[in-house]
C-alpha atoms as a PDB file:
ATOM      1  CA  MET A   1      53.284  63.659   1.678  1.00  0.00           C
ATOM      2  CA  TYR A   2      51.813  63.016   5.187  1.00  0.00           C
ATOM      3  CA  PRO A   3      48.597  64.529   4.139  1.00  0.00           C
ATOM      4  CA  LEU A   4      48.003  61.705   1.938  1.00  0.00           C
ATOM      5  CA  ILE A   5      49.314  59.580   4.670  1.00  0.00           C
ATOM      6  CA  GLY A   6      46.589  61.083   6.951  1.00  0.00           C
ATOM      7  CA  LEU A   7      43.809  60.890   4.459  1.00  0.00           C
ATOM      8  CA  VAL A   8      44.743  56.763   4.140  1.00  0.00           C
ATOM      9  CA  VAL A   9      44.392  56.549   8.016  1.00  0.00           C
ATOM     10  CA  LEU A  10      41.389  58.425   7.878  1.00  0.00           C
ATOM     11  CA  VAL A  11      39.591  55.896   5.435  1.00  0.00           C
ATOM     12  CA  ILE A  12      41.082  52.960   7.495  1.00  0.00           C
ATOM     13  CA  ILE A  13      39.631  54.316  10.253  1.00  0.00           C
ATOM     14  CA  TYR A  14      36.042  54.952   8.283  1.00  0.00           C
ATOM     15  CA  LEU A  15      35.696  51.297   7.155  1.00  0.00           C
ATOM     16  CA  LEU A  16      36.787  49.848  10.071  1.00  0.00           C
ATOM     17  CA  TYR A  17      34.190  51.624  11.871  1.00  0.00           C
ATOM     18  CA  GLU A  18      31.479  51.620   9.274  1.00  0.00           C
ATOM     19  CA  TYR A  19      31.720  48.185   8.000  1.00  0.00           C
ATOM     20  CA  ARG A  20      31.089  44.940  10.028  1.00  0.00           C
ATOM     21  CA  LEU A  21      31.731  41.499   9.914  1.00  0.00           C
ATOM     22  CA  ARG A  22      28.325  39.228   8.740  1.00  0.00           C
ATOM     23  CA  LYS A  23      27.919  36.062  10.760  1.00  0.00           C
ATOM     24  CA  PRO A  24      26.518  33.043   9.383  1.00  0.00           C
ATOM     25  CA  ASP A  25      23.195  33.258  10.808  1.00  0.00           C
ATOM     26  CA  GLN A  26      22.833  36.683  10.040  1.00  0.00           C
ATOM     27  CA  ILE A  27      21.270  38.580   6.388  1.00  0.00           C
ATOM     28  CA  ALA A  28      22.596  41.999   5.353  1.00  0.00           C
ATOM     29  CA  LEU A  29      19.322  43.999   3.771  1.00  0.00           C
ATOM     30  CA  PHE A  30      19.712  47.095   1.732  1.00  0.00           C
ATOM     31  CA  GLU A  31      17.259  49.228  -0.270  1.00  0.00           C
ATOM     32  CA  SER A  32      17.692  49.244  -3.909  1.00  0.00           C
ATOM     33  CA  LYS A  33      16.015  50.697  -6.695  1.00  0.00           C
ATOM     34  CA  ALA A  34      13.890  46.906  -7.082  1.00  0.00           C
ATOM     35  CA  GLY A  35      13.389  47.460  -3.420  1.00  0.00           C
ATOM     36  CA  ILE A  36      14.628  44.959  -0.507  1.00  0.00           C
ATOM     37  CA  ALA A  37      17.841  43.245  -1.305  1.00  0.00           C
ATOM     38  CA  ILE A  38      20.518  41.377   0.211  1.00  0.00           C
ATOM     39  CA  ARG A  39      24.324  41.783   0.869  1.00  0.00           C
ATOM     40  CA  LYS A  40      26.047  38.640  -0.439  1.00  0.00           C
ATOM     41  CA  ALA A  41      29.439  40.097   0.615  1.00  0.00           C
ATOM     42  CA  ARG A  42      30.782  39.194   4.431  1.00  0.00           C
ATOM     43  CA  PHE A  43      31.160  42.524   5.081  1.00  0.00           C
ATOM     44  CA  TYR A  44      28.624  45.028   5.443  1.00  0.00           C
ATOM     45  CA  PRO A  45      28.015  48.807   5.987  1.00  0.00           C
ATOM     46  CA  ARG A  46      25.871  49.268   9.052  1.00  0.00           C
ATOM     47  CA  HIS A  47      24.441  52.594   8.372  1.00  0.00           C
ATOM     48  CA  PHE A  48      23.533  51.774   5.353  1.00  0.00           C
ATOM     49  CA  SER A  49      22.305  47.708   5.594  1.00  0.00           C
ATOM     50  CA  LEU A  50      19.646  46.363   8.408  1.00  0.00           C
ATOM     51  CA  VAL A  51      20.834  43.392   9.544  1.00  0.00           C
ATOM     52  CA  LEU A  52      18.065  40.363  10.905  1.00  0.00           C
ATOM     53  CA  PRO A  53      19.104  37.063  12.820  1.00  0.00           C
ATOM     54  CA  ARG A  54      17.862  33.720  10.856  1.00  0.00           C
ATOM     55  CA  ALA A  55      17.531  32.239  14.065  1.00  0.00           C
ATOM     56  CA  ILE A  56      13.922  30.642  15.325  1.00  0.00           C
ATOM     57  CA  HIS A  57      11.765  32.805  17.281  1.00  0.00           C
ATOM     58  CA  SER A  58       9.643  30.780  19.770  1.00  0.00           C
ATOM     59  CA  ALA A  59       6.946  31.893  22.262  1.00  0.00           C
ATOM     60  CA  GLN A  60       4.715  29.914  24.437  1.00  0.00           C
ATOM     61  CA  ILE A  61       0.926  31.698  24.243  1.00  0.00           C
ATOM     62  CA  SER A  62      -1.472  31.391  26.741  1.00  0.00           C
ATOM     63  CA  THR A  63      -5.323  32.126  25.828  1.00  0.00           C
ATOM     64  CA  ASP A  64      -8.307  33.061  27.780  1.00  0.00           C
ATOM     65  CA  ALA A  65     -11.069  31.839  25.587  1.00  0.00           C
ATOM     66  CA  THR A  66     -14.700  30.460  26.123  1.00  0.00           C
ATOM     67  CA  ALA A  67     -16.301  27.191  24.643  1.00  0.00           C
ATOM     68  CA  LYS A  68     -19.973  26.897  23.825  1.00  0.00           C
ATOM     69  CA  GLY A  69     -22.570  27.965  26.219  1.00  0.00           C
ATOM     70  CA  ASN A  70     -20.151  30.490  27.654  1.00  0.00           C
ATOM     71  CA  LEU A  71     -17.663  28.355  29.532  1.00  0.00           C
ATOM     72  CA  ASP A  72     -14.217  29.708  30.126  1.00  0.00           C
ATOM     73  CA  ILE A  73     -11.306  27.949  29.388  1.00  0.00           C
ATOM     74  CA  LYS A  74      -7.641  28.082  28.678  1.00  0.00           C
ATOM     75  CA  VAL A  75      -5.523  27.508  25.989  1.00  0.00           C
ATOM     76  CA  ARG A  76      -1.826  27.282  26.068  1.00  0.00           C
ATOM     77  CA  LEU A  77       0.283  26.265  22.894  1.00  0.00           C
ATOM     78  CA  THR A  78       3.834  26.859  21.718  1.00  0.00           C
ATOM     79  CA  ILE A  79       4.894  28.515  18.492  1.00  0.00           C
ATOM     80  CA  SER A  80       8.262  28.633  16.223  1.00  0.00           C
ATOM     81  CA  VAL A  81       8.557  31.181  13.726  1.00  0.00           C
ATOM     82  CA  THR A  82      11.417  32.597  11.485  1.00  0.00           C
ATOM     83  CA  LEU A  83      11.658  34.831   8.479  1.00  0.00           C
ATOM     84  CA  SER A  84      10.815  33.842   5.564  1.00  0.00           C
ATOM     85  CA  MET A  85      13.362  34.595   2.544  1.00  0.00           C
ATOM     86  CA  ASP A  86      10.667  34.692  -0.625  1.00  0.00           C
ATOM     87  CA  ASN A  87       8.529  37.975   2.163  1.00  0.00           C
ATOM     88  CA  LEU A  88      11.337  40.107   3.376  1.00  0.00           C
ATOM     89  CA  GLU A  89       9.366  43.181   2.542  1.00  0.00           C
ATOM     90  CA  THR A  90       6.266  42.205   3.734  1.00  0.00           C
ATOM     91  CA  LEU A  91       8.552  41.651   7.133  1.00  0.00           C
ATOM     92  CA  ILE A  92       9.771  44.754   7.052  1.00  0.00           C
ATOM     93  CA  LYS A  93       6.676  46.233   6.433  1.00  0.00           C
ATOM     94  CA  VAL A  94       5.295  44.556   9.775  1.00  0.00           C
ATOM     95  CA  GLY A  95       8.350  44.737  12.065  1.00  0.00           C
ATOM     96  CA  GLY A  96       9.740  48.058  10.276  1.00  0.00           C
ATOM     97  CA  TRP A  97      13.271  48.945   9.278  1.00  0.00           C
ATOM     98  CA  SER A  98      14.471  47.493  12.662  1.00  0.00           C
ATOM     99  CA  ASN A  99      16.824  44.452  13.942  1.00  0.00           C
ATOM    100  CA  SER A 100      13.867  43.599  15.923  1.00  0.00           C
ATOM    101  CA  ALA A 101      11.413  43.244  13.062  1.00  0.00           C
ATOM    102  CA  VAL A 102      11.375  39.873  13.594  1.00  0.00           C
ATOM    103  CA  GLU A 103      10.149  40.096  17.320  1.00  0.00           C
ATOM    104  CA  LYS A 104       7.449  42.770  16.263  1.00  0.00           C
ATOM    105  CA  ALA A 105       6.018  40.451  13.368  1.00  0.00           C
ATOM    106  CA  ALA A 106       5.721  37.564  15.556  1.00  0.00           C
ATOM    107  CA  ASP A 107       4.134  39.651  18.198  1.00  0.00           C
ATOM    108  CA  GLU A 108       1.379  40.520  15.583  1.00  0.00           C
ATOM    109  CA  LEU A 109       1.249  36.978  14.066  1.00  0.00           C
ATOM    110  CA  GLU A 110       0.297  35.877  18.061  1.00  0.00           C
ATOM    111  CA  THR A 111      -2.330  38.322  18.464  1.00  0.00           C
ATOM    112  CA  MET A 112      -3.871  36.733  15.550  1.00  0.00           C
ATOM    113  CA  VAL A 113      -3.205  33.413  17.060  1.00  0.00           C
ATOM    114  CA  HIS A 114      -5.289  34.432  20.046  1.00  0.00           C
ATOM    115  CA  GLY A 115      -8.187  35.141  17.646  1.00  0.00           C
ATOM    116  CA  PHE A 116      -8.127  32.121  16.094  1.00  0.00           C
ATOM    117  CA  VAL A 117      -8.169  30.225  19.336  1.00  0.00           C
ATOM    118  CA  ARG A 118     -11.165  32.279  20.571  1.00  0.00           C
ATOM    119  CA  GLU A 119     -12.850  31.463  16.754  1.00  0.00           C
ATOM    120  CA  PHE A 120     -12.790  28.092  17.078  1.00  0.00           C
ATOM    121  CA  THR A 121     -13.165  27.009  20.541  1.00  0.00           C
ATOM    122  CA  GLU A 122     -16.726  29.292  20.567  1.00  0.00           C
ATOM    123  CA  ARG A 123     -17.958  27.027  17.883  1.00  0.00           C
ATOM    124  CA  LEU A 124     -17.704  24.156  19.677  1.00  0.00           C
ATOM    125  CA  GLY A 125     -19.049  22.291  23.295  1.00  0.00           C
ATOM    126  CA  ILE A 126     -16.667  21.918  25.716  1.00  0.00           C
ATOM    127  CA  GLU A 127     -16.803  18.061  25.247  1.00  0.00           C
ATOM    128  CA  ASP A 128     -15.783  18.151  21.963  1.00  0.00           C
ATOM    129  CA  LEU A 129     -12.550  20.330  22.311  1.00  0.00           C
ATOM    130  CA  SER A 130      -9.247  18.630  21.484  1.00  0.00           C
ATOM    131  CA  SER A 131      -5.659  19.339  20.948  1.00  0.00           C
ATOM    132  CA  VAL A 132      -6.237  17.866  17.427  1.00  0.00           C
ATOM    133  CA  GLU A 133      -8.890  19.601  16.414  1.00  0.00           C
ATOM    134  CA  ILE A 134      -7.462  22.961  17.627  1.00  0.00           C
ATOM    135  CA  TYR A 135      -3.934  21.644  15.993  1.00  0.00           C
ATOM    136  CA  LYS A 136      -5.773  21.287  12.657  1.00  0.00           C
ATOM    137  CA  TYR A 137      -7.427  24.859  12.398  1.00  0.00           C
ATOM    138  CA  LEU A 138      -4.491  26.411  13.589  1.00  0.00           C
ATOM    139  CA  THR A 139      -2.155  25.110  11.221  1.00  0.00           C
ATOM    140  CA  GLU A 140      -4.603  25.935   8.148  1.00  0.00           C
ATOM    141  CA  LYS A 141      -4.985  29.423   9.667  1.00  0.00           C
ATOM    142  CA  THR A 142      -0.564  30.469  10.268  1.00  0.00           C
ATOM    143  CA  ARG A 143      -0.388  29.362   6.655  1.00  0.00           C
ATOM    144  CA  MET A 144      -1.075  33.217   5.362  1.00  0.00           C
ATOM    145  CA  SER A 145       1.493  34.264   7.693  1.00  0.00           C
ATOM    146  CA  LYS A 146       4.125  34.306   5.072  1.00  0.00           C
ATOM    147  CA  ALA A 147       2.146  36.564   2.605  1.00  0.00           C
ATOM    148  CA  ASN A 148       0.931  38.401   5.737  1.00  0.00           C
ATOM    149  CA  PHE A 149       3.757  38.630   8.210  1.00  0.00           C
ATOM    150  CA  GLY A 150       6.958  37.348   5.958  1.00  0.00           C
ATOM    151  CA  LEU A 151       7.369  35.016   8.461  1.00  0.00           C
ATOM    152  CA  GLU A 152       7.343  30.678   8.276  1.00  0.00           C
ATOM    153  CA  VAL A 153       5.877  28.968  11.110  1.00  0.00           C
ATOM    154  CA  ILE A 154       8.294  25.971  11.830  1.00  0.00           C
ATOM    155  CA  SER A 155       6.497  24.290  14.473  1.00  0.00           C
ATOM    156  CA  LEU A 156       3.175  24.548  16.433  1.00  0.00           C
ATOM    157  CA  SER A 157       1.586  22.041  19.675  1.00  0.00           C
ATOM    158  CA  ILE A 158      -1.171  22.757  21.932  1.00  0.00           C
ATOM    159  CA  GLN A 159       0.389  22.133  25.209  1.00  0.00           C
ATOM    160  CA  SER A 160      -2.828  21.506  26.887  1.00  0.00           C
ATOM    161  CA  ILE A 161      -6.694  22.851  27.425  1.00  0.00           C
ATOM    162  CA  GLU A 162      -7.390  23.967  30.533  1.00  0.00           C
ATOM    163  CA  ILE A 163     -11.492  24.371  32.421  1.00  0.00           C
ATOM    164  CA  LEU A 164     -11.669  27.417  34.480  1.00  0.00           C
ATOM    165  CA  ASP A 165     -15.164  26.198  36.374  1.00  0.00           C
ATOM    166  CA  THR A 166     -13.316  23.707  38.685  1.00  0.00           C
ATOM    167  CA  LYS A 167     -16.820  21.774  38.870  1.00  0.00           C
ATOM    168  CA  ILE A 168     -17.375  21.571  35.194  1.00  0.00           C
ATOM    169  CA  ALA A 169     -13.367  19.643  35.162  1.00  0.00           C
ATOM    170  CA  ASP A 170     -14.756  17.485  37.730  1.00  0.00           C
ATOM    171  CA  ALA A 171     -17.800  16.627  35.943  1.00  0.00           C
ATOM    172  CA  ILE A 172     -15.791  15.920  32.429  1.00  0.00           C
ATOM    173  CA  ARG A 173     -13.127  13.951  33.989  1.00  0.00           C
ATOM    174  CA  GLN A 174     -15.670  11.844  35.472  1.00  0.00           C
ATOM    175  CA  GLN A 175     -17.083  11.461  32.130  1.00  0.00           C
ATOM    176  CA  GLU A 176     -13.967  10.751  30.549  1.00  0.00           C
ATOM    177  CA  SER A 177     -13.194   8.109  33.507  1.00  0.00           C
ATOM    178  CA  ALA A 178     -16.515   6.370  32.867  1.00  0.00           C
ATOM    179  CA  ARG A 179     -15.683   6.356  29.249  1.00  0.00           C
ATOM    180  CA  ILE A 180     -12.729   4.690  29.385  1.00  0.00           C
ATOM    181  CA  LEU A 181     -13.424   2.305  31.762  1.00  0.00           C
ATOM    182  CA  GLU A 182     -16.769   1.678  29.439  1.00  0.00           C
ATOM    183  CA  GLN A 183     -14.221   1.189  26.738  1.00  0.00           C
ATOM    184  CA  THR A 184     -12.220  -1.312  28.657  1.00  0.00           C
ATOM    185  CA  GLU A 185     -14.869  -3.352  29.851  1.00  0.00           C
ATOM    186  CA  THR A 186     -15.866  -3.255  26.152  1.00  0.00           C
ATOM    187  CA  LEU A 187     -12.361  -4.370  24.877  1.00  0.00           C
ATOM    188  CA  ASP A 188     -12.114  -6.823  27.502  1.00  0.00           C
ATOM    189  CA  GLN A 189     -15.607  -8.287  26.471  1.00  0.00           C
ATOM    190  CA  ARG A 190     -14.290  -8.187  22.721  1.00  0.00           C
ATOM    191  CA  GLY A 191     -10.803 -10.107  23.905  1.00  0.00           C
ATOM    192  CA  ARG A 192     -12.853 -12.761  25.481  1.00  0.00           C
ATOM    193  CA  LEU A 193     -15.411 -13.399  22.328  1.00  0.00           C
ATOM    194  CA  ALA A 194     -12.274 -13.101  19.998  1.00  0.00           C
ATOM    195  CA  ALA A 195     -10.624 -15.446  22.577  1.00  0.00           C
ATOM    196  CA  ALA A 196     -13.907 -17.881  22.447  1.00  0.00           C
ATOM    197  CA  ARG A 197     -14.347 -17.623  18.539  1.00  0.00           C
ATOM    198  CA  SER A 198     -10.829 -18.461  18.038  1.00  0.00           C
ATOM    199  CA  LYS A 199     -10.635 -21.217  20.546  1.00  0.00           C
ATOM    200  CA  PHE A 200     -13.876 -22.716  18.844  1.00  0.00           C
ATOM    201  CA  GLU A 201     -12.171 -22.428  14.738  1.00  0.00           C
ATOM    202  CA  ALA A 202      -9.120 -24.012  16.555  1.00  0.00           C
ATOM    203  CA  ASP A 203     -11.382 -26.732  17.739  1.00  0.00           C
ATOM    204  CA  GLU A 204     -13.485 -27.066  14.710  1.00  0.00           C
ATOM    205  CA  GLN A 205     -10.449 -27.111  12.499  1.00  0.00           C
ATOM    206  CA  ILE A 206      -9.045 -30.061  14.627  1.00  0.00           C
ATOM    207  CA  ALA A 207     -12.214 -32.052  14.185  1.00  0.00           C
ATOM    208  CA  LEU A 208     -11.961 -31.524  10.656  1.00  0.00           C
ATOM    209  CA  LEU A 209      -8.099 -33.062  10.490  1.00  0.00           C
ATOM    210  CA  GLU A 210      -9.432 -35.307  12.370  1.00  0.00           C
ATOM    211  CA  ASN A 211     -12.098 -36.388  10.157  1.00  0.00           C
ATOM    212  CA  ARG A 212     -10.050 -36.310   7.016  1.00  0.00           C
ATOM    213  CA  LEU A 213      -7.246 -38.197   8.915  1.00  0.00           C
ATOM    214  CA  GLU A 214      -9.783 -41.058   9.659  1.00  0.00           C
ATOM    215  CA  LEU A 215     -11.349 -40.699   6.220  1.00  0.00           C
ATOM    216  CA  LYS A 216      -7.552 -40.989   4.996  1.00  0.00           C
ATOM    217  CA  LYS A 217      -7.151 -44.230   6.761  1.00  0.00           C
ATOM    218  CA  TYR A 218     -10.505 -45.729   5.869  1.00  0.00           C
ATOM    219  CA  ASP A 219      -9.355 -45.418   2.123  1.00  0.00           C
ATOM    220  CA  LEU A 220      -6.197 -47.203   3.061  1.00  0.00           C
ATOM    221  CA  LYS A 221      -7.425 -49.349   4.714  1.00  0.00           C
ATOM    222  CA  LYS A 222     -10.127 -50.230   1.546  1.00  0.00           C
ATOM    223  CA  ALA A 223      -7.317 -49.876  -0.670  1.00  0.00           C
ATOM    224  CA  GLU A 224      -5.365 -52.814   1.231  1.00  0.00           C
ATOM    225  CA  VAL A 225      -8.609 -55.012   1.654  1.00  0.00           C
ATOM    226  CA  GLU A 226      -9.026 -54.401  -2.364  1.00  0.00           C
ATOM    227  CA  LYS A 227      -5.235 -55.372  -2.724  1.00  0.00           C
ATOM    228  CA  GLU A 228      -5.610 -58.449  -0.546  1.00  0.00           C
ATOM    229  CA  ALA A 229      -8.623 -59.381  -2.198  1.00  0.00           C
ATOM    230  CA  GLU A 230      -6.895 -58.999  -5.529  1.00  0.00           C
ATOM    231  CA  ILE A 231      -4.134 -61.090  -4.132  1.00  0.00           C
ATOM    232  CA  SER A 232      -6.321 -63.812  -2.881  1.00  0.00           C
ATOM    233  CA  LYS A 233      -8.529 -63.593  -6.376  1.00  0.00           C
ATOM    234  CA  LYS A 234      -5.008 -64.230  -8.188  1.00  0.00           C
ATOM    235  CA  ARG A 235      -3.796 -66.870  -6.034  1.00  0.00           C
ATOM    236  CA  VAL A 236      -7.446 -68.527  -6.488  1.00  0.00           C
ATOM    237  CA  GLU A 237      -7.128 -68.294 -10.165  1.00  0.00           C
ATOM    238  CA  GLU A 238      -3.472 -70.056 -10.276  1.00  0.00           C
ATOM    239  CA  GLU A 239      -4.524 -72.882  -7.985  1.00  0.00           C
ATOM    240  CA  LEU A 240      -7.473 -73.259 -10.659  1.00  0.00           C
ATOM    241  CA  LYS A 241      -4.703 -72.998 -13.779  1.00  0.00           C
ATOM    242  CA  ARG A 242      -2.699 -75.614 -11.777  1.00  0.00           C
ATOM    243  CA  LYS A 243      -5.653 -77.872 -10.875  1.00  0.00           C
ATOM    244  CA  ASN A 244      -6.873 -77.736 -14.274  1.00  0.00           C
ATOM    245  CA  MET A 245      -2.972 -78.375 -15.781  1.00  0.00           C
ATOM    246  CA  GLN A 246      -3.109 -81.430 -13.156  1.00  0.00           C
ATOM    247  CA  LEU A 247      -6.204 -82.312 -14.165  1.00  0.00           C
ATOM    248  CA  GLU A 248      -5.087 -82.454 -17.710  1.00  0.00           C
ATOM    249  CA  TYR A 249      -2.125 -84.252 -16.911  1.00  0.00           C
ATOM    250  CA  GLU A 250      -3.860 -87.156 -15.451  1.00  0.00           C
ATOM    251  CA  LYS A 251      -6.097 -87.049 -18.685  1.00  0.00           C
ATOM    252  CA  ASN A 252      -3.369 -87.657 -20.507  1.00  0.00           C
ATOM    253  CA  GLU A 253      -1.578 -90.375 -18.335  1.00  0.00           C
ATOM    254  CA  LEU A 254      -5.133 -92.236 -18.446  1.00  0.00           C
ATOM    255  CA  GLU A 255      -5.288 -91.629 -22.078  1.00  0.00           C
ATOM    256  CA  LEU A 256      -1.928 -92.911 -22.249  1.00  0.00           C
ATOM    257  CA  LEU A 257      -2.239 -95.799 -20.252  1.00  0.00           C
ATOM    258  CA  ARG A 258      -5.781 -97.084 -21.729  1.00  0.00           C
ATOM    259  CA  ASN A 259      -3.768 -96.993 -24.892  1.00  0.00           C
ATOM    260  CA  ASN A 260      -0.817 -99.091 -23.706  1.00  0.00           C
ATOM    261  CA  PRO A 261      -1.889-101.204 -20.992  1.00  0.00           C
ATOM    262  CA  GLU A 262       1.358-102.811 -20.308  1.00  0.00           C
ATOM    263  CA  LEU A 263       2.900 -99.288 -18.740  1.00  0.00           C
ATOM    264  CA  LEU A 264       0.109-100.195 -15.832  1.00  0.00           C
ATOM    265  CA  ILE A 265       2.888-102.247 -14.402  1.00  0.00           C
ATOM    266  CA  LEU A 266       4.962 -99.153 -13.961  1.00  0.00           C
ATOM    267  CA  THR A 267       2.494 -97.371 -12.082  1.00  0.00           C
ATOM    268  CA  PRO A 268       3.260 -95.935  -8.795  1.00  0.00           C
ATOM    269  CA  GLN A 269      -0.128 -97.939  -7.614  1.00  0.00           C
ATOM    270  CA  ALA A 270       0.926-101.170  -9.024  1.00  0.00           C
ATOM    271  CA  ALA A 271       4.635-100.969  -7.433  1.00  0.00           C
ATOM    272  CA  ARG A 272       2.418-100.854  -4.081  1.00  0.00           C
ATOM    273  CA  LEU A 273       0.101-103.350  -4.650  1.00  0.00           C
ATOM    274  CA  ALA A 274       3.002-105.906  -5.792  1.00  0.00           C
ATOM    275  CA  GLU A 275       4.868-104.893  -2.239  1.00  0.00           C
ATOM    276  CA  ALA A 276       1.826-105.328  -0.314  1.00  0.00           C
ATOM    277  CA  SER A 277       1.053-108.772  -1.971  1.00  0.00           C
ATOM    278  CA  GLN A 278       4.955-110.134  -1.030  1.00  0.00           C
ATOM    279  CA  ALA A 279       4.306-109.081   2.423  1.00  0.00           C
ATOM    280  CA  LEU A 280       1.168-110.418   2.638  1.00  0.00           C
ATOM    281  CA  ARG A 281       1.283-113.646   0.470  1.00  0.00           C
ATOM    282  CA  ASN A 282      -2.097-115.224   1.855  1.00  0.00           C
ATOM    283  CA  ALA A 283      -3.938-111.633   1.593  1.00  0.00           C
ATOM    284  CA  LYS A 284      -6.268-110.960  -1.013  1.00  0.00           C
ATOM    285  CA  THR A 285      -5.636-107.866  -2.840  1.00  0.00           C
ATOM    286  CA  VAL A 286      -8.939-106.046  -4.002  1.00  0.00           C
ATOM    287  CA  VAL A 287      -8.167-103.094  -6.308  1.00  0.00           C
ATOM    288  CA  SER A 288     -11.055-100.595  -7.077  1.00  0.00           C
ATOM    289  CA  LEU A 289     -10.701 -98.096  -9.969  1.00  0.00           C
ATOM    290  CA  SER A 290     -13.435 -95.584 -10.528  1.00  0.00           C
ATOM    291  CA  SER A 291     -13.345 -92.308 -12.693  1.00  0.00           C
ATOM    292  CA  LYS A 292     -15.949 -90.287 -14.484  1.00  0.00           C
ATOM    293  CA  ASP A 293     -15.075 -91.874 -17.642  1.00  0.00           C
ATOM    294  CA  ASN A 294     -16.671 -95.521 -16.889  1.00  0.00           C
ATOM    295  CA  SER A 295     -15.824 -97.391 -19.859  1.00  0.00           C
ATOM    296  CA  LEU A 296     -12.185 -96.054 -19.798  1.00  0.00           C
ATOM    297  CA  GLY A 297     -12.071 -97.128 -16.002  1.00  0.00           C
ATOM    298  CA  SER A 298     -13.482-100.317 -16.602  1.00  0.00           C
ATOM    299  CA  ASP A 299     -10.692-101.068 -19.613  1.00  0.00           C
ATOM    300  CA  LEU A 300      -7.649-100.181 -17.028  1.00  0.00           C
ATOM    301  CA  ALA A 301      -8.943-101.995 -14.123  1.00  0.00           C
ATOM    302  CA  ASN A 302      -9.680-105.215 -16.398  1.00  0.00           C
ATOM    303  CA  ALA A 303      -5.781-104.559 -17.610  1.00  0.00           C
ATOM    304  CA  LEU A 304      -4.840-104.012 -14.262  1.00  0.00           C
ATOM    305  CA  GLN A 305      -6.140-107.037 -12.735  1.00  0.00           C
ATOM    306  CA  GLY A 306      -4.722-109.090 -15.625  1.00  0.00           C
ATOM    307  CA  LEU A 307      -1.120-107.859 -15.132  1.00  0.00           C
ATOM    308  CA  LEU A 308      -1.906-108.512 -11.611  1.00  0.00           C
ATOM    309  CA  ARG A 309      -3.042-111.666 -11.901  1.00  0.00           C
ATOM    310  CA  ASN A 310      -0.181-112.993 -13.827  1.00  0.00           C
ATOM    311  CA  TYR A 311       1.966-111.399 -11.140  1.00  0.00           C
ATOM    312  CA  LEU A 312       1.058-112.672  -8.193  1.00  0.00           C
ATOM    313  CA  ALA A 313       0.873-116.457  -9.970  1.00  0.00           C
ATOM    314  CA  SER A 314       4.311-116.116 -11.205  1.00  0.00           C
ATOM    315  CA  GLY A 315       5.497-115.196  -7.496  1.00  0.00           C
ATOM    316  CA  SER A 316       3.186-118.060  -5.972  1.00  0.00           C
ATOM    317  CA  ARG A 317       5.084-120.896  -8.019  1.00  0.00           C
ATOM    318  CA  LYS A 318       8.737-119.369  -7.058  1.00  0.00           C
ATOM    319  CA  PRO A 319       8.201-120.581  -3.452  1.00  0.00           C
ATOM    320  CA  LYS A 320       7.134-123.969  -4.739  1.00  0.00           C
ATOM    321  CA  GLU A 321      10.122-124.569  -6.772  1.00  0.00           C
ATOM    322  CA  LYS A 322      12.379-123.337  -3.758  1.00  0.00           C
END
C-alpha cells in the first residue's frame, strides 16, 4: 500500500515539476514526424516543448550609409516584427531551438535591412534622398522576411536622414529654404492671379446679368407699349363703330323725316326755335339746314320753314285777338 502511495506522490511531483501552464501570448512547439507542430493544450511539458512569445519585437536601427558622390549620411529607422505562424520551421532554422529564436531572427533581419539601406542610398544623389522613397524600397524588400526569417513585419518607419558633412547639410538647407520661399512666392502669385481671375469672372457675370435685366425690361416695356397700342386701336375702332352707328341712326332719322315732314315739329331743333320765337316776337329767325345730300336737305328745309311759318302766324294772331 505504501509503495503505491509513494509512487503516486512521485508522479504528482514529476508532473508539477515538468508541466507548465501556457500563457495566452505564448505558443508551445514540439517536434513531430511531420515537422514542427503546435501544442493546443494549456499545459505543456517544458523539457519536450519550445515556448515562444507572440509579442511584437521592436528595434531601432541606425545605419551609416553613403549617397551618390561618396557623401556620408546616417539613416535612422524603426522596425517591429513578430513570428509568422505559417513559417515556424524557417524561424527555428534561423533562430535555433531556443526561447530567444525570435530575437535572433530579428537580428538577422536587421543586418539585411542595413544592407538594403546602403544599397538604396548609393544609387541616388543626396538631394534626391527622401524618407518616402526609402520606406517604399524597404517595404518591398522586407516582404521576403516571412519566407527567409519566419518573421512578419508589423511596421516600418523612417525616423530621419542625417547628412554628416555640416557644409553640405547647410547648403542643402539653404537650397531647400530657397525652394520653399520660391514655391511660397509662386503660390502667392497664383493666389493673386486666381483672385483677379475670380473678380474678373464675377464682374463679367454681373455685367451679363445686368444686360439680361435691361433686355428683360426692354421686352416688358415693348410688350406694355404694344398692349397700350392694341388698347388704343380697340378704342379707335370702337369709336369708329359708335360714330358709324350714330351716322346710320341720323341717316335713318333724316329718311324718316323726309318721308314724314309733319314729324319735324317734334324735333328738338324745332322746339328750340319755337321757344326763341316766343321770347323774341319781333325777331326774325333764320334756319339753315345743310347736308351732304342737297336734295334731302332742301326738302327738309322747305318743310320745316312751312311749318314754322304756320306756327309763327298762329302765334301772332293770338295776341291781336287778346
